[in-house]
Amino acid sequence: MSGAATHLAPGGPAVPGAVRGGVLRSLAATSAVLGLCWLVPAANTGIAYASLGLDAVPVVTGLIGVLAVVVALRMLHGAWWLALLSLVPGLFVLVGSVQYAPEAALEHRGVHEAVVVTEDSAQGTGSTDHRFTLVGPEGELDETLRHRGSHPGIDVGDRVEVVRDPEGVVPMEEAGDVDPEGRLGGLVTGTGGWTLLTVAAGWRGHFLRRRGRRPVLERLAF
């Protein structure tokens, strides 16, 4: 009699060496990835607060966090397609965690001011990096309003409302672009998407084990 265990796989014939049960292992592995999915948005938002004015810092750490979630889902799920699908909510997490902190700071301590655009640094140069010189009620502002892109939607002579940081840490923005609630909503949406994908990956990983194919994450952890 062969020493290899043979069990019935759900909806299929007997599979040699299949592992029955393992619910606790599945829950432990899924919970670990869920913890990562919740830690990355929270930690990167905190990093963005700590490095206000240095957007490159949370961008880099956020990208590392998103890639860590993708790899963890690949290990939990056993296939790349669901892991790559997690890049969609990952984009929401990255944008939300990077932009929420500076926009929240502008909303809470920012000074609103109606100004007139008097000069565009990119005018006649073909550059897409626009730095607009602004004149307010008390004269020309020391800080310029920066827009990257071919169509900034602002022309010389336009009157716009801006929000500037009196501490000079967070770059000035147009008042209509300051939307911390929207950034927070995107952050929550992305985290929720990761949560759903992780539950789905954990569920599939559990049934992979019952068919004798343990996901990579569980082979490493257990």
N, C-alpha and C. Protein backbone atom coordinates (compact mmCIF):
# COMPACT_ATOMS: atom_id res chain seq x y z
N MET A 1 0.85 -1.21 0.00
CA MET A 1 0.00 0.00 0.00
C MET A 1 0.87 1.25 0.00
N SER A 2 0.59 2.17 -0.87
CA SER A 2 1.41 3.37 -0.98
C SER A 2 1.26 4.24 0.25
N GLY A 3 2.40 4.89 0.68
CA GLY A 3 2.36 5.77 1.84
C GLY A 3 1.83 7.14 1.52
N ALA A 4 1.66 7.45 0.23
CA ALA A 4 1.18 8.78 -0.14
C ALA A 4 -0.30 8.89 0.12
N ALA A 5 -0.71 9.99 0.77
CA ALA A 5 -2.13 10.20 1.08
C ALA A 5 -2.86 10.59 -0.18
N THR A 6 -4.10 10.07 -0.31
CA THR A 6 -4.93 10.40 -1.46
C THR A 6 -6.26 10.90 -0.95
N HIS A 7 -6.67 12.10 -1.37
CA HIS A 7 -7.91 12.71 -0.91
C HIS A 7 -8.69 13.21 -2.10
N LEU A 8 -9.95 13.35 -1.91
CA LEU A 8 -10.80 13.88 -2.97
C LEU A 8 -10.70 15.39 -3.01
N ALA A 9 -10.39 15.95 -4.17
CA ALA A 9 -10.40 17.40 -4.35
C ALA A 9 -11.81 17.83 -4.65
N PRO A 10 -12.22 19.01 -4.19
CA PRO A 10 -13.59 19.48 -4.43
C PRO A 10 -13.90 19.53 -5.92
N GLY A 11 -14.95 18.82 -6.31
CA GLY A 11 -15.41 18.87 -7.70
C GLY A 11 -14.49 18.13 -8.65
N GLY A 12 -13.58 17.25 -8.15
CA GLY A 12 -12.66 16.58 -9.06
C GLY A 12 -12.24 15.24 -8.52
N PRO A 13 -11.43 14.51 -9.25
CA PRO A 13 -10.99 13.18 -8.83
C PRO A 13 -9.98 13.26 -7.69
N ALA A 14 -9.64 12.13 -7.14
CA ALA A 14 -8.67 12.09 -6.05
C ALA A 14 -7.32 12.58 -6.53
N VAL A 15 -6.66 13.37 -5.67
CA VAL A 15 -5.36 13.93 -6.00
C VAL A 15 -4.33 13.40 -5.04
N PRO A 16 -3.30 12.66 -5.52
CA PRO A 16 -2.28 12.12 -4.61
C PRO A 16 -1.57 13.25 -3.86
N GLY A 17 -1.36 13.05 -2.57
CA GLY A 17 -0.61 14.00 -1.77
C GLY A 17 -1.36 15.25 -1.40
N ALA A 18 -2.67 15.32 -1.66
CA ALA A 18 -3.42 16.54 -1.33
C ALA A 18 -3.49 16.72 0.17
N VAL A 19 -3.47 17.96 0.62
CA VAL A 19 -3.52 18.28 2.04
C VAL A 19 -4.93 18.73 2.39
N ARG A 20 -5.52 18.05 3.35
CA ARG A 20 -6.87 18.41 3.74
C ARG A 20 -6.82 19.52 4.80
N GLY A 21 -7.87 20.32 4.80
CA GLY A 21 -7.99 21.33 5.85
C GLY A 21 -6.99 22.45 5.69
N GLY A 22 -6.27 22.75 6.77
CA GLY A 22 -5.31 23.84 6.74
C GLY A 22 -5.95 25.20 6.80
N VAL A 23 -7.15 25.27 7.39
CA VAL A 23 -7.85 26.55 7.45
C VAL A 23 -7.07 27.58 8.24
N LEU A 24 -6.48 27.14 9.35
CA LEU A 24 -5.73 28.08 10.19
C LEU A 24 -4.51 28.62 9.45
N ARG A 25 -3.87 27.77 8.66
CA ARG A 25 -2.73 28.24 7.89
C ARG A 25 -3.17 29.26 6.85
N SER A 26 -4.27 28.98 6.21
CA SER A 26 -4.79 29.92 5.21
C SER A 26 -5.13 31.25 5.84
N LEU A 27 -5.78 31.20 7.00
CA LEU A 27 -6.16 32.43 7.70
C LEU A 27 -4.92 33.21 8.12
N ALA A 28 -3.90 32.50 8.60
CA ALA A 28 -2.68 33.18 9.05
C ALA A 28 -1.99 33.87 7.88
N ALA A 29 -1.86 33.17 6.75
CA ALA A 29 -1.20 33.76 5.59
C ALA A 29 -2.01 34.94 5.04
N THR A 30 -3.33 34.76 4.96
CA THR A 30 -4.18 35.84 4.44
C THR A 30 -4.15 37.04 5.37
N SER A 31 -4.16 36.80 6.67
CA SER A 31 -4.12 37.90 7.64
C SER A 31 -2.81 38.67 7.55
N ALA A 32 -1.71 37.96 7.29
CA ALA A 32 -0.42 38.63 7.16
C ALA A 32 -0.42 39.59 5.97
N VAL A 33 -0.98 39.14 4.85
CA VAL A 33 -1.03 40.00 3.67
C VAL A 33 -2.00 41.15 3.88
N LEU A 34 -3.12 40.87 4.56
CA LEU A 34 -4.06 41.95 4.87
C LEU A 34 -3.39 43.02 5.72
N GLY A 35 -2.60 42.59 6.69
CA GLY A 35 -1.88 43.55 7.52
C GLY A 35 -0.96 44.43 6.70
N LEU A 36 -0.30 43.83 5.71
CA LEU A 36 0.57 44.61 4.82
C LEU A 36 -0.24 45.60 3.99
N CYS A 37 -1.42 45.14 3.51
CA CYS A 37 -2.28 46.01 2.70
C CYS A 37 -2.79 47.21 3.48
N TRP A 38 -2.94 47.07 4.77
CA TRP A 38 -3.40 48.19 5.60
C TRP A 38 -2.23 49.02 6.11
N LEU A 39 -1.08 48.37 6.30
CA LEU A 39 0.09 49.08 6.81
C LEU A 39 0.66 50.04 5.78
N VAL A 40 0.73 49.62 4.53
CA VAL A 40 1.35 50.44 3.48
C VAL A 40 0.67 51.80 3.35
N PRO A 41 -0.68 51.88 3.21
CA PRO A 41 -1.31 53.21 3.09
C PRO A 41 -1.11 54.07 4.33
N ALA A 42 -1.26 53.46 5.52
CA ALA A 42 -1.11 54.23 6.75
C ALA A 42 0.32 54.74 6.92
N ALA A 43 1.29 53.85 6.69
CA ALA A 43 2.69 54.24 6.87
C ALA A 43 3.11 55.29 5.85
N ASN A 44 2.68 55.12 4.59
CA ASN A 44 3.12 56.09 3.58
C ASN A 44 2.47 57.46 3.78
N THR A 45 1.23 57.47 4.29
CA THR A 45 0.61 58.75 4.61
C THR A 45 1.37 59.44 5.74
N GLY A 46 1.80 58.66 6.73
CA GLY A 46 2.60 59.22 7.82
C GLY A 46 3.93 59.74 7.32
N ILE A 47 4.56 59.02 6.39
CA ILE A 47 5.82 59.47 5.81
C ILE A 47 5.61 60.78 5.05
N ALA A 48 4.48 60.87 4.33
CA ALA A 48 4.18 62.11 3.59
C ALA A 48 4.02 63.29 4.54
N TYR A 49 3.39 63.07 5.70
CA TYR A 49 3.27 64.13 6.69
C TYR A 49 4.64 64.54 7.22
N ALA A 50 5.49 63.54 7.48
CA ALA A 50 6.80 63.82 8.06
C ALA A 50 7.74 64.49 7.07
N SER A 51 7.45 64.34 5.78
CA SER A 51 8.35 64.90 4.77
C SER A 51 7.62 65.92 3.89
N LEU A 52 6.75 66.73 4.50
CA LEU A 52 6.02 67.74 3.74
C LEU A 52 6.99 68.61 2.95
N GLY A 53 6.65 68.82 1.69
CA GLY A 53 7.51 69.61 0.82
C GLY A 53 8.52 68.78 0.06
N LEU A 54 8.64 67.51 0.40
CA LEU A 54 9.57 66.59 -0.28
C LEU A 54 8.76 65.43 -0.85
N ASP A 55 8.01 65.69 -1.91
CA ASP A 55 7.11 64.69 -2.45
C ASP A 55 7.83 63.43 -2.93
N ALA A 56 9.09 63.56 -3.32
CA ALA A 56 9.83 62.40 -3.83
C ALA A 56 9.96 61.30 -2.78
N VAL A 57 10.00 61.68 -1.50
CA VAL A 57 10.18 60.69 -0.44
C VAL A 57 8.98 59.75 -0.35
N PRO A 58 7.74 60.25 -0.17
CA PRO A 58 6.60 59.32 -0.12
C PRO A 58 6.32 58.64 -1.46
N VAL A 59 6.72 59.26 -2.56
CA VAL A 59 6.54 58.59 -3.86
C VAL A 59 7.39 57.32 -3.91
N VAL A 60 8.66 57.43 -3.51
CA VAL A 60 9.56 56.28 -3.54
C VAL A 60 9.11 55.21 -2.55
N THR A 61 8.81 55.62 -1.31
CA THR A 61 8.39 54.63 -0.31
C THR A 61 7.04 54.02 -0.69
N GLY A 62 6.17 54.82 -1.30
CA GLY A 62 4.88 54.30 -1.73
C GLY A 62 5.02 53.27 -2.83
N LEU A 63 5.91 53.52 -3.79
CA LEU A 63 6.15 52.55 -4.86
C LEU A 63 6.70 51.25 -4.29
N ILE A 64 7.60 51.36 -3.33
CA ILE A 64 8.14 50.15 -2.69
C ILE A 64 7.01 49.38 -1.99
N GLY A 65 6.13 50.11 -1.30
CA GLY A 65 5.03 49.45 -0.61
C GLY A 65 4.07 48.77 -1.57
N VAL A 66 3.75 49.44 -2.68
CA VAL A 66 2.84 48.85 -3.67
C VAL A 66 3.45 47.58 -4.26
N LEU A 67 4.73 47.62 -4.59
CA LEU A 67 5.39 46.44 -5.13
C LEU A 67 5.44 45.31 -4.10
N ALA A 68 5.60 45.66 -2.83
CA ALA A 68 5.61 44.64 -1.78
C ALA A 68 4.25 43.93 -1.71
N VAL A 69 3.17 44.69 -1.85
CA VAL A 69 1.83 44.09 -1.84
C VAL A 69 1.65 43.19 -3.06
N VAL A 70 2.11 43.63 -4.22
CA VAL A 70 1.99 42.82 -5.43
C VAL A 70 2.70 41.48 -5.25
N VAL A 71 3.93 41.51 -4.73
CA VAL A 71 4.70 40.28 -4.52
C VAL A 71 4.01 39.39 -3.48
N ALA A 72 3.52 40.00 -2.39
CA ALA A 72 2.86 39.22 -1.35
C ALA A 72 1.61 38.53 -1.89
N LEU A 73 0.83 39.23 -2.72
CA LEU A 73 -0.36 38.62 -3.31
C LEU A 73 0.02 37.50 -4.27
N ARG A 74 1.11 37.69 -5.00
CA ARG A 74 1.58 36.62 -5.89
C ARG A 74 1.92 35.37 -5.09
N MET A 75 2.58 35.56 -3.97
CA MET A 75 2.96 34.42 -3.14
C MET A 75 1.75 33.77 -2.48
N LEU A 76 0.78 34.58 -2.13
CA LEU A 76 -0.42 34.05 -1.47
C LEU A 76 -1.33 33.34 -2.47
N HIS A 77 -1.42 33.89 -3.67
CA HIS A 77 -2.39 33.42 -4.66
C HIS A 77 -1.84 32.30 -5.53
N GLY A 78 -0.55 32.35 -5.81
CA GLY A 78 0.04 31.32 -6.65
C GLY A 78 -0.04 31.64 -8.13
N ALA A 79 -0.50 32.83 -8.50
CA ALA A 79 -0.58 33.22 -9.91
C ALA A 79 -0.40 34.74 -10.01
N TRP A 80 0.11 35.18 -11.18
CA TRP A 80 0.44 36.58 -11.33
C TRP A 80 -0.75 37.47 -11.67
N TRP A 81 -1.80 36.90 -12.28
CA TRP A 81 -2.84 37.77 -12.82
C TRP A 81 -3.53 38.58 -11.73
N LEU A 82 -3.83 37.96 -10.59
CA LEU A 82 -4.50 38.70 -9.52
C LEU A 82 -3.53 39.69 -8.87
N ALA A 83 -2.27 39.30 -8.76
CA ALA A 83 -1.27 40.20 -8.19
C ALA A 83 -1.12 41.46 -9.04
N LEU A 84 -1.07 41.29 -10.36
CA LEU A 84 -0.96 42.44 -11.25
C LEU A 84 -2.23 43.29 -11.22
N LEU A 85 -3.38 42.65 -11.02
CA LEU A 85 -4.63 43.40 -10.91
C LEU A 85 -4.59 44.35 -9.72
N SER A 86 -3.81 44.00 -8.69
CA SER A 86 -3.73 44.84 -7.49
C SER A 86 -3.04 46.17 -7.77
N LEU A 87 -2.41 46.32 -8.94
CA LEU A 87 -1.78 47.60 -9.28
C LEU A 87 -2.81 48.70 -9.47
N VAL A 88 -4.05 48.32 -9.84
CA VAL A 88 -5.10 49.32 -10.03
C VAL A 88 -5.44 50.01 -8.70
N PRO A 89 -5.85 49.26 -7.65
CA PRO A 89 -6.05 49.95 -6.36
C PRO A 89 -4.75 50.50 -5.80
N GLY A 90 -3.62 49.89 -6.19
CA GLY A 90 -2.34 50.40 -5.73
C GLY A 90 -2.08 51.82 -6.20
N LEU A 91 -2.56 52.15 -7.40
CA LEU A 91 -2.41 53.52 -7.90
C LEU A 91 -3.21 54.50 -7.05
N PHE A 92 -4.42 54.10 -6.64
CA PHE A 92 -5.23 54.94 -5.75
C PHE A 92 -4.52 55.14 -4.41
N VAL A 93 -3.94 54.08 -3.89
CA VAL A 93 -3.22 54.17 -2.62
C VAL A 93 -2.02 55.10 -2.75
N LEU A 94 -1.27 54.96 -3.83
CA LEU A 94 -0.07 55.78 -4.01
C LEU A 94 -0.42 57.26 -4.12
N VAL A 95 -1.37 57.59 -4.99
CA VAL A 95 -1.74 58.99 -5.18
C VAL A 95 -2.36 59.56 -3.90
N GLY A 96 -3.26 58.81 -3.29
CA GLY A 96 -3.91 59.29 -2.07
C GLY A 96 -2.95 59.52 -0.93
N SER A 97 -2.04 58.55 -0.70
CA SER A 97 -1.12 58.67 0.43
C SER A 97 -0.10 59.78 0.22
N VAL A 98 0.29 60.03 -1.04
CA VAL A 98 1.28 61.08 -1.31
C VAL A 98 0.65 62.46 -1.24
N GLN A 99 -0.57 62.62 -1.74
CA GLN A 99 -1.16 63.94 -1.89
C GLN A 99 -2.07 64.36 -0.73
N TYR A 100 -2.52 63.41 0.07
CA TYR A 100 -3.43 63.78 1.16
C TYR A 100 -2.77 64.72 2.16
N ALA A 101 -1.57 64.39 2.59
CA ALA A 101 -0.91 65.18 3.64
C ALA A 101 -0.70 66.64 3.25
N PRO A 102 -0.08 66.94 2.09
CA PRO A 102 0.11 68.36 1.75
C PRO A 102 -1.20 69.11 1.53
N GLU A 103 -2.19 68.44 0.95
CA GLU A 103 -3.46 69.13 0.72
C GLU A 103 -4.22 69.35 2.02
N ALA A 104 -4.10 68.41 2.95
CA ALA A 104 -4.72 68.61 4.27
C ALA A 104 -4.03 69.77 5.00
N ALA A 105 -2.71 69.87 4.85
CA ALA A 105 -1.98 70.97 5.49
C ALA A 105 -2.42 72.31 4.91
N LEU A 106 -2.59 72.37 3.59
CA LEU A 106 -3.04 73.61 2.97
C LEU A 106 -4.46 73.97 3.41
N GLU A 107 -5.30 72.96 3.54
CA GLU A 107 -6.69 73.23 3.94
C GLU A 107 -6.75 73.77 5.36
N HIS A 108 -5.90 73.27 6.25
CA HIS A 108 -5.99 73.66 7.66
C HIS A 108 -5.24 74.95 7.99
N ARG A 109 -4.12 75.20 7.32
CA ARG A 109 -3.34 76.39 7.69
C ARG A 109 -3.08 77.33 6.51
N GLY A 110 -3.58 76.94 5.32
CA GLY A 110 -3.30 77.72 4.14
C GLY A 110 -4.02 79.07 4.12
N VAL A 111 -3.43 80.03 3.40
CA VAL A 111 -3.99 81.37 3.23
C VAL A 111 -4.54 81.49 1.82
N HIS A 112 -5.82 81.81 1.70
CA HIS A 112 -6.45 82.00 0.40
C HIS A 112 -6.20 83.43 -0.08
N GLU A 113 -5.89 83.54 -1.36
CA GLU A 113 -5.59 84.86 -1.89
C GLU A 113 -5.98 84.93 -3.36
N ALA A 114 -6.66 86.02 -3.75
CA ALA A 114 -7.00 86.25 -5.16
C ALA A 114 -5.83 86.98 -5.81
N VAL A 115 -5.33 86.41 -6.90
CA VAL A 115 -4.15 86.97 -7.55
C VAL A 115 -4.36 87.06 -9.06
N VAL A 116 -3.47 87.81 -9.71
CA VAL A 116 -3.47 87.94 -11.17
C VAL A 116 -2.17 87.35 -11.70
N VAL A 117 -2.28 86.56 -12.75
CA VAL A 117 -1.10 85.95 -13.38
C VAL A 117 -0.45 86.99 -14.30
N THR A 118 0.80 87.29 -14.05
CA THR A 118 1.49 88.32 -14.84
C THR A 118 2.59 87.76 -15.75
N GLU A 119 3.01 86.53 -15.49
CA GLU A 119 4.10 85.98 -16.31
C GLU A 119 4.07 84.46 -16.25
N ASP A 120 4.41 83.82 -17.38
CA ASP A 120 4.52 82.37 -17.48
C ASP A 120 5.93 82.05 -17.94
N SER A 121 6.69 81.34 -17.10
CA SER A 121 8.10 81.06 -17.42
C SER A 121 8.25 80.19 -18.67
N ALA A 122 7.21 79.43 -19.01
CA ALA A 122 7.30 78.53 -20.17
C ALA A 122 6.81 79.17 -21.46
N GLN A 123 6.29 80.39 -21.37
CA GLN A 123 5.72 81.03 -22.55
C GLN A 123 6.79 81.26 -23.62
N GLY A 124 6.53 80.74 -24.83
CA GLY A 124 7.44 80.91 -25.93
C GLY A 124 8.65 80.01 -25.91
N THR A 125 8.73 79.11 -24.94
CA THR A 125 9.90 78.22 -24.84
C THR A 125 9.59 76.79 -25.26
N GLY A 126 8.31 76.43 -25.29
CA GLY A 126 7.94 75.05 -25.60
C GLY A 126 8.02 74.13 -24.40
N SER A 127 8.41 74.65 -23.27
CA SER A 127 8.51 73.84 -22.05
C SER A 127 7.12 73.52 -21.50
N THR A 128 7.00 72.38 -20.82
CA THR A 128 5.74 72.02 -20.18
C THR A 128 5.80 72.25 -18.67
N ASP A 129 6.89 72.86 -18.21
CA ASP A 129 7.03 73.18 -16.78
C ASP A 129 6.74 74.67 -16.61
N HIS A 130 5.51 74.97 -16.19
CA HIS A 130 5.07 76.37 -16.09
C HIS A 130 5.24 76.88 -14.66
N ARG A 131 5.86 78.02 -14.54
CA ARG A 131 5.95 78.71 -13.25
C ARG A 131 5.33 80.10 -13.44
N PHE A 132 4.17 80.27 -12.83
CA PHE A 132 3.42 81.51 -13.02
C PHE A 132 3.77 82.52 -11.94
N THR A 133 4.12 83.72 -12.39
CA THR A 133 4.35 84.84 -11.46
C THR A 133 2.99 85.45 -11.13
N LEU A 134 2.77 85.72 -9.85
CA LEU A 134 1.46 86.18 -9.37
C LEU A 134 1.58 87.52 -8.65
N VAL A 135 0.56 88.33 -8.84
CA VAL A 135 0.49 89.62 -8.13
C VAL A 135 -0.81 89.66 -7.34
N GLY A 136 -0.68 89.89 -6.04
CA GLY A 136 -1.84 89.98 -5.16
C GLY A 136 -2.09 91.39 -4.71
N PRO A 137 -3.00 91.57 -3.76
CA PRO A 137 -3.34 92.91 -3.27
C PRO A 137 -2.14 93.67 -2.70
N GLU A 138 -1.15 92.92 -2.19
CA GLU A 138 0.01 93.57 -1.57
C GLU A 138 1.24 93.51 -2.47
N GLY A 139 1.05 93.23 -3.74
CA GLY A 139 2.18 93.20 -4.66
C GLY A 139 2.52 91.79 -5.13
N GLU A 140 3.67 91.68 -5.78
CA GLU A 140 4.07 90.40 -6.36
C GLU A 140 4.44 89.40 -5.26
N LEU A 141 3.94 88.15 -5.43
CA LEU A 141 4.24 87.10 -4.46
C LEU A 141 5.63 86.55 -4.71
N ASP A 142 6.31 86.21 -3.63
CA ASP A 142 7.65 85.62 -3.76
C ASP A 142 7.58 84.22 -4.38
N GLU A 143 6.52 83.50 -4.06
CA GLU A 143 6.37 82.13 -4.56
C GLU A 143 5.62 82.13 -5.89
N THR A 144 6.04 81.25 -6.78
CA THR A 144 5.34 81.10 -8.05
C THR A 144 4.41 79.89 -7.99
N LEU A 145 3.40 79.89 -8.84
CA LEU A 145 2.47 78.77 -8.95
C LEU A 145 2.97 77.86 -10.05
N ARG A 146 3.22 76.59 -9.72
CA ARG A 146 3.82 75.68 -10.69
C ARG A 146 2.79 74.71 -11.24
N HIS A 147 2.82 74.53 -12.56
CA HIS A 147 1.99 73.54 -13.25
C HIS A 147 2.87 72.79 -14.23
N ARG A 148 2.76 71.46 -14.21
CA ARG A 148 3.47 70.64 -15.20
C ARG A 148 2.46 70.09 -16.18
N GLY A 149 2.72 70.28 -17.45
CA GLY A 149 1.81 69.79 -18.47
C GLY A 149 1.65 70.78 -19.61
N SER A 150 1.19 70.27 -20.74
CA SER A 150 1.06 71.12 -21.93
C SER A 150 -0.08 72.12 -21.83
N HIS A 151 -1.12 71.77 -21.07
CA HIS A 151 -2.30 72.64 -20.98
C HIS A 151 -2.62 72.93 -19.51
N PRO A 152 -1.97 73.90 -18.93
CA PRO A 152 -2.19 74.19 -17.50
C PRO A 152 -3.55 74.80 -17.19
N GLY A 153 -4.21 75.33 -18.21
CA GLY A 153 -5.52 75.95 -17.98
C GLY A 153 -5.44 77.34 -17.40
N ILE A 154 -4.28 77.93 -17.39
CA ILE A 154 -4.06 79.29 -16.88
C ILE A 154 -3.28 80.08 -17.93
N ASP A 155 -3.69 81.31 -18.15
CA ASP A 155 -2.97 82.19 -19.08
C ASP A 155 -2.58 83.48 -18.37
N VAL A 156 -1.59 84.14 -18.93
CA VAL A 156 -1.19 85.44 -18.40
C VAL A 156 -2.38 86.40 -18.48
N GLY A 157 -2.65 87.10 -17.37
CA GLY A 157 -3.78 88.00 -17.29
C GLY A 157 -4.97 87.42 -16.57
N ASP A 158 -4.96 86.09 -16.35
CA ASP A 158 -6.07 85.46 -15.64
C ASP A 158 -6.03 85.82 -14.16
N ARG A 159 -7.23 85.89 -13.57
CA ARG A 159 -7.35 86.07 -12.12
C ARG A 159 -7.72 84.72 -11.51
N VAL A 160 -6.94 84.26 -10.56
CA VAL A 160 -7.18 82.95 -9.94
C VAL A 160 -7.09 83.08 -8.42
N GLU A 161 -7.67 82.10 -7.75
CA GLU A 161 -7.56 82.03 -6.29
C GLU A 161 -6.59 80.93 -5.94
N VAL A 162 -5.61 81.25 -5.11
CA VAL A 162 -4.60 80.27 -4.72
C VAL A 162 -4.64 80.07 -3.21
N VAL A 163 -4.05 78.97 -2.80
CA VAL A 163 -3.87 78.69 -1.36
C VAL A 163 -2.38 78.50 -1.15
N ARG A 164 -1.81 79.30 -0.28
CA ARG A 164 -0.37 79.19 -0.01
C ARG A 164 -0.13 78.89 1.46
N ASP A 165 0.95 78.20 1.70
CA ASP A 165 1.34 77.82 3.05
C ASP A 165 2.12 78.97 3.69
N PRO A 166 1.62 79.54 4.77
CA PRO A 166 2.34 80.65 5.42
C PRO A 166 3.71 80.24 5.94
N GLU A 167 3.89 78.93 6.16
CA GLU A 167 5.19 78.45 6.64
C GLU A 167 6.15 78.17 5.48
N GLY A 168 5.63 78.21 4.26
CA GLY A 168 6.48 78.02 3.09
C GLY A 168 6.97 76.60 2.88
N VAL A 169 6.31 75.64 3.50
CA VAL A 169 6.74 74.23 3.38
C VAL A 169 6.05 73.53 2.22
N VAL A 170 4.73 73.70 2.14
CA VAL A 170 3.94 73.05 1.09
C VAL A 170 3.82 74.00 -0.10
N PRO A 171 4.07 73.54 -1.31
CA PRO A 171 3.95 74.41 -2.49
C PRO A 171 2.54 74.96 -2.65
N MET A 172 2.46 76.15 -3.18
CA MET A 172 1.18 76.80 -3.46
C MET A 172 0.37 76.00 -4.48
N GLU A 173 -0.96 76.04 -4.34
CA GLU A 173 -1.85 75.39 -5.29
C GLU A 173 -3.04 76.28 -5.57
N GLU A 174 -3.70 76.02 -6.70
CA GLU A 174 -4.97 76.67 -6.95
C GLU A 174 -5.98 76.17 -5.93
N ALA A 175 -6.86 77.06 -5.48
CA ALA A 175 -7.81 76.68 -4.44
C ALA A 175 -8.70 75.51 -4.88
N GLY A 176 -9.07 75.48 -6.16
CA GLY A 176 -9.94 74.41 -6.64
C GLY A 176 -9.28 73.05 -6.69
N ASP A 177 -7.94 73.03 -6.63
CA ASP A 177 -7.22 71.76 -6.69
C ASP A 177 -6.97 71.16 -5.31
N VAL A 178 -7.25 71.90 -4.26
CA VAL A 178 -7.02 71.41 -2.90
C VAL A 178 -8.24 70.62 -2.45
N ASP A 179 -8.09 69.31 -2.40
CA ASP A 179 -9.22 68.44 -2.09
C ASP A 179 -8.76 67.25 -1.24
N PRO A 180 -8.43 67.49 0.04
CA PRO A 180 -7.95 66.39 0.87
C PRO A 180 -9.00 65.30 1.08
N GLU A 181 -10.29 65.67 1.10
CA GLU A 181 -11.32 64.65 1.26
C GLU A 181 -11.33 63.69 0.07
N GLY A 182 -11.13 64.25 -1.14
CA GLY A 182 -11.06 63.41 -2.32
C GLY A 182 -9.85 62.49 -2.28
N ARG A 183 -8.71 63.01 -1.84
CA ARG A 183 -7.50 62.18 -1.73
C ARG A 183 -7.70 61.07 -0.71
N LEU A 184 -8.35 61.41 0.41
CA LEU A 184 -8.61 60.40 1.43
C LEU A 184 -9.57 59.34 0.89
N GLY A 185 -10.57 59.78 0.11
CA GLY A 185 -11.50 58.83 -0.48
C GLY A 185 -10.79 57.87 -1.42
N GLY A 186 -9.85 58.39 -2.23
CA GLY A 186 -9.08 57.52 -3.10
C GLY A 186 -8.22 56.54 -2.32
N LEU A 187 -7.65 57.02 -1.21
CA LEU A 187 -6.83 56.16 -0.37
C LEU A 187 -7.65 55.02 0.23
N VAL A 188 -8.84 55.35 0.71
CA VAL A 188 -9.72 54.33 1.28
C VAL A 188 -10.18 53.35 0.20
N THR A 189 -10.50 53.88 -0.98
CA THR A 189 -10.93 53.02 -2.08
C THR A 189 -9.84 52.02 -2.47
N GLY A 190 -8.61 52.51 -2.58
CA GLY A 190 -7.50 51.63 -2.92
C GLY A 190 -7.25 50.57 -1.86
N THR A 191 -7.33 50.98 -0.59
CA THR A 191 -7.14 50.01 0.50
C THR A 191 -8.24 48.97 0.50
N GLY A 192 -9.48 49.41 0.24
CA GLY A 192 -10.58 48.47 0.15
C GLY A 192 -10.41 47.49 -1.00
N GLY A 193 -9.91 47.98 -2.15
CA GLY A 193 -9.65 47.09 -3.28
C GLY A 193 -8.60 46.04 -2.94
N TRP A 194 -7.53 46.47 -2.29
CA TRP A 194 -6.51 45.51 -1.85
C TRP A 194 -7.09 44.48 -0.90
N THR A 195 -7.97 44.92 0.00
CA THR A 195 -8.56 44.00 0.97
C THR A 195 -9.37 42.92 0.26
N LEU A 196 -10.20 43.31 -0.69
CA LEU A 196 -11.02 42.34 -1.43
C LEU A 196 -10.14 41.36 -2.22
N LEU A 197 -9.11 41.88 -2.87
CA LEU A 197 -8.23 41.01 -3.65
C LEU A 197 -7.48 40.04 -2.75
N THR A 198 -7.10 40.49 -1.56
CA THR A 198 -6.38 39.62 -0.63
C THR A 198 -7.27 38.48 -0.14
N VAL A 199 -8.51 38.81 0.16
CA VAL A 199 -9.45 37.76 0.59
C VAL A 199 -9.64 36.74 -0.54
N ALA A 200 -9.78 37.24 -1.76
CA ALA A 200 -9.94 36.33 -2.91
C ALA A 200 -8.70 35.47 -3.11
N ALA A 201 -7.52 36.09 -2.95
CA ALA A 201 -6.27 35.34 -3.12
C ALA A 201 -6.11 34.29 -2.02
N GLY A 202 -6.47 34.65 -0.80
CA GLY A 202 -6.37 33.69 0.30
C GLY A 202 -7.32 32.52 0.12
N TRP A 203 -8.53 32.80 -0.38
CA TRP A 203 -9.52 31.75 -0.62
C TRP A 203 -9.01 30.76 -1.68
N ARG A 204 -8.48 31.30 -2.77
CA ARG A 204 -7.96 30.43 -3.83
C ARG A 204 -6.74 29.66 -3.34
N GLY A 205 -5.88 30.33 -2.57
CA GLY A 205 -4.70 29.65 -2.04
C GLY A 205 -5.07 28.47 -1.16
N HIS A 206 -6.14 28.63 -0.40
CA HIS A 206 -6.59 27.54 0.48
C HIS A 206 -6.98 26.31 -0.35
N PHE A 207 -7.69 26.50 -1.44
CA PHE A 207 -8.12 25.37 -2.25
C PHE A 207 -6.99 24.81 -3.09
N LEU A 208 -5.97 25.65 -3.38
CA LEU A 208 -4.78 25.11 -4.02
C LEU A 208 -4.13 24.06 -3.12
N ARG A 209 -4.06 24.35 -1.81
CA ARG A 209 -3.47 23.42 -0.87
C ARG A 209 -4.26 22.13 -0.80
N ARG A 210 -5.57 22.24 -0.84
CA ARG A 210 -6.40 21.04 -0.77
C ARG A 210 -6.22 20.16 -2.00
N ARG A 211 -5.71 20.76 -3.07
CA ARG A 211 -5.42 19.98 -4.28
C ARG A 211 -3.95 19.55 -4.32
N GLY A 212 -3.23 19.81 -3.22
CA GLY A 212 -1.84 19.38 -3.17
C GLY A 212 -0.85 20.39 -3.67
N ARG A 213 -1.29 21.63 -3.94
CA ARG A 213 -0.40 22.69 -4.44
C ARG A 213 -0.41 23.84 -3.44
N ARG A 214 0.58 23.87 -2.56
CA ARG A 214 0.61 24.92 -1.54
C ARG A 214 1.17 26.20 -2.13
N PRO A 215 0.51 27.35 -1.89
CA PRO A 215 1.03 28.64 -2.37
C PRO A 215 2.40 28.93 -1.79
N VAL A 216 3.18 29.73 -2.50
CA VAL A 216 4.56 30.01 -2.11
C VAL A 216 4.65 30.60 -0.71
N LEU A 217 3.75 31.53 -0.38
CA LEU A 217 3.82 32.20 0.92
C LEU A 217 3.73 31.21 2.05
N GLU A 218 2.88 30.20 1.91
CA GLU A 218 2.71 29.24 3.00
C GLU A 218 3.87 28.26 3.04
N ARG A 219 4.48 27.96 1.89
CA ARG A 219 5.65 27.08 1.90
C ARG A 219 6.81 27.75 2.63
N LEU A 220 6.90 29.09 2.51
CA LEU A 220 7.97 29.82 3.19
C LEU A 220 7.68 30.00 4.67
N ALA A 221 6.41 30.28 4.99
CA ALA A 221 6.05 30.63 6.37
C ALA A 221 5.85 29.39 7.24
N PHE A 222 5.47 28.28 6.64
CA PHE A 222 5.16 27.10 7.45
C PHE A 222 6.02 25.92 7.01
